[in-house]
Amino acid sequence: MKQLYLPSAGSPVIDWLIFLGFLLLVCLCLGGFVVWMKVLRSNKSKRKRRKHRHHRPTNPTLAQTGGLPPKRDPNQLPPGP
């Protein structure tokens, strides 16, 4: 019966396996990030925007209503509730 060869901790085979495992982990992380950017994030940007209705008038500006009210007398108390 033939014995199975197990490489020792300092052998080049173990070093290459560790390197390939790390490379695979990096590729999986980058692939997951690309999938997240292309698929999952693109769904959020396709939402319908709310359209503003142009037939409703907006609040008038001060120029349209006649400007600011006249200055108040400094001795007069401000209007209260």
C-alpha atoms as a PDB file:
ATOM      1  CA  MET A   1       0.000   0.000   0.000  1.00  0.00           C
ATOM      2  CA  LYS A   2       1.302   3.427  -0.978  1.00  0.00           C
ATOM      3  CA  GLN A   3       1.569   6.062   1.735  1.00  0.00           C
ATOM      4  CA  LEU A   4      -0.081   9.462   1.290  1.00  0.00           C
ATOM      5  CA  TYR A   5       2.370  12.345   1.111  1.00  0.00           C
ATOM      6  CA  LEU A   6       1.454  15.255   3.390  1.00  0.00           C
ATOM      7  CA  PRO A   7       3.548  18.369   2.799  1.00  0.00           C
ATOM      8  CA  SER A   8       5.139  19.993   5.824  1.00  0.00           C
ATOM      9  CA  ALA A   9       4.347  23.509   7.018  1.00  0.00           C
ATOM     10  CA  GLY A  10       7.304  25.163   5.295  1.00  0.00           C
ATOM     11  CA  SER A  11       6.908  23.483   1.919  1.00  0.00           C
ATOM     12  CA  PRO A  12       6.181  25.446  -1.270  1.00  0.00           C
ATOM     13  CA  VAL A  13       2.968  23.435  -1.832  1.00  0.00           C
ATOM     14  CA  ILE A  14       1.419  24.764   1.392  1.00  0.00           C
ATOM     15  CA  ASP A  15       2.572  28.298   0.588  1.00  0.00           C
ATOM     16  CA  TRP A  16       0.905  28.127  -2.844  1.00  0.00           C
ATOM     17  CA  LEU A  17      -2.306  26.705  -1.383  1.00  0.00           C
ATOM     18  CA  ILE A  18      -2.469  29.544   1.151  1.00  0.00           C
ATOM     19  CA  PHE A  19      -1.810  32.084  -1.600  1.00  0.00           C
ATOM     20  CA  LEU A  20      -4.485  30.589  -3.862  1.00  0.00           C
ATOM     21  CA  GLY A  21      -6.979  30.484  -1.007  1.00  0.00           C
ATOM     22  CA  PHE A  22      -6.324  34.140  -0.234  1.00  0.00           C
ATOM     23  CA  LEU A  23      -6.621  35.026  -3.925  1.00  0.00           C
ATOM     24  CA  LEU A  24      -9.935  33.171  -4.126  1.00  0.00           C
ATOM     25  CA  LEU A  25     -11.225  35.041  -1.070  1.00  0.00           C
ATOM     26  CA  VAL A  26     -10.271  38.412  -2.592  1.00  0.00           C
ATOM     27  CA  CYS A  27     -11.950  37.501  -5.895  1.00  0.00           C
ATOM     28  CA  LEU A  28     -15.149  36.453  -4.106  1.00  0.00           C
ATOM     29  CA  CYS A  29     -15.259  39.718  -2.172  1.00  0.00           C
ATOM     30  CA  LEU A  30     -14.703  41.795  -5.304  1.00  0.00           C
ATOM     31  CA  GLY A  31     -17.277  39.768  -7.218  1.00  0.00           C
ATOM     32  CA  GLY A  32     -19.827  40.251  -4.463  1.00  0.00           C
ATOM     33  CA  PHE A  33     -19.148  43.982  -4.461  1.00  0.00           C
ATOM     34  CA  VAL A  34     -19.624  44.190  -8.244  1.00  0.00           C
ATOM     35  CA  VAL A  35     -22.887  42.245  -8.029  1.00  0.00           C
ATOM     36  CA  TRP A  36     -24.092  44.555  -5.264  1.00  0.00           C
ATOM     37  CA  MET A  37     -23.212  47.657  -7.311  1.00  0.00           C
ATOM     38  CA  LYS A  38     -24.776  46.447 -10.561  1.00  0.00           C
ATOM     39  CA  VAL A  39     -27.850  44.544  -9.402  1.00  0.00           C
ATOM     40  CA  LEU A  40     -28.920  45.603  -5.947  1.00  0.00           C
ATOM     41  CA  ARG A  41     -28.109  49.321  -6.134  1.00  0.00           C
ATOM     42  CA  SER A  42     -29.559  49.804  -9.608  1.00  0.00           C
ATOM     43  CA  ASN A  43     -33.043  48.818  -8.389  1.00  0.00           C
ATOM     44  CA  LYS A  44     -33.165  51.794  -6.039  1.00  0.00           C
ATOM     45  CA  SER A  45     -32.364  54.288  -8.771  1.00  0.00           C
ATOM     46  CA  LYS A  46     -35.235  53.069 -10.957  1.00  0.00           C
ATOM     47  CA  ARG A  47     -37.914  54.335  -8.588  1.00  0.00           C
ATOM     48  CA  LYS A  48     -40.434  56.664 -10.128  1.00  0.00           C
ATOM     49  CA  ARG A  49     -39.983  60.268  -9.211  1.00  0.00           C
ATOM     50  CA  ARG A  50     -42.974  62.222  -8.066  1.00  0.00           C
ATOM     51  CA  LYS A  51     -44.121  64.597 -10.752  1.00  0.00           C
ATOM     52  CA  HIS A  52     -45.071  68.088  -9.713  1.00  0.00           C
ATOM     53  CA  ARG A  53     -48.413  69.297 -10.926  1.00  0.00           C
ATOM     54  CA  HIS A  54     -48.040  72.573 -12.749  1.00  0.00           C
ATOM     55  CA  HIS A  55     -51.718  73.505 -12.659  1.00  0.00           C
ATOM     56  CA  ARG A  56     -51.602  74.238  -8.929  1.00  0.00           C
ATOM     57  CA  PRO A  57     -50.451  77.758  -8.114  1.00  0.00           C
ATOM     58  CA  THR A  58     -47.568  78.191  -5.705  1.00  0.00           C
ATOM     59  CA  ASN A  59     -47.565  80.623  -2.807  1.00  0.00           C
ATOM     60  CA  PRO A  60     -47.181  84.181  -4.075  1.00  0.00           C
ATOM     61  CA  THR A  61     -43.884  85.966  -3.605  1.00  0.00           C
ATOM     62  CA  LEU A  62     -43.502  89.203  -1.702  1.00  0.00           C
ATOM     63  CA  ALA A  63     -43.159  91.033  -5.010  1.00  0.00           C
ATOM     64  CA  GLN A  64     -46.510  89.641  -6.165  1.00  0.00           C
ATOM     65  CA  THR A  65     -48.314  90.570  -2.935  1.00  0.00           C
ATOM     66  CA  GLY A  66     -46.970  94.112  -2.699  1.00  0.00           C
ATOM     67  CA  GLY A  67     -43.716  93.669  -0.807  1.00  0.00           C
ATOM     68  CA  LEU A  68     -42.995  93.791   2.884  1.00  0.00           C
ATOM     69  CA  PRO A  69     -45.412  95.410   5.340  1.00  0.00           C
ATOM     70  CA  PRO A  70     -44.590  98.957   6.484  1.00  0.00           C
ATOM     71  CA  LYS A  71     -42.055  99.436   9.271  1.00  0.00           C
ATOM     72  CA  ARG A  72     -43.459  99.264  12.776  1.00  0.00           C
ATOM     73  CA  ASP A  73     -43.009 102.087  15.258  1.00  0.00           C
ATOM     74  CA  PRO A  74     -40.190 101.102  17.694  1.00  0.00           C
ATOM     75  CA  ASN A  75     -42.329 102.214  20.672  1.00  0.00           C
ATOM     76  CA  GLN A  76     -45.218  99.952  19.674  1.00  0.00           C
ATOM     77  CA  LEU A  77     -45.438  96.480  21.235  1.00  0.00           C
ATOM     78  CA  PRO A  78     -45.294  93.507  18.861  1.00  0.00           C
ATOM     79  CA  PRO A  79     -48.615  91.796  18.172  1.00  0.00           C
ATOM     80  CA  GLY A  80     -49.264  88.990  20.643  1.00  0.00           C
ATOM     81  CA  PRO A  81     -51.248  85.776  20.476  1.00  0.00           C
END
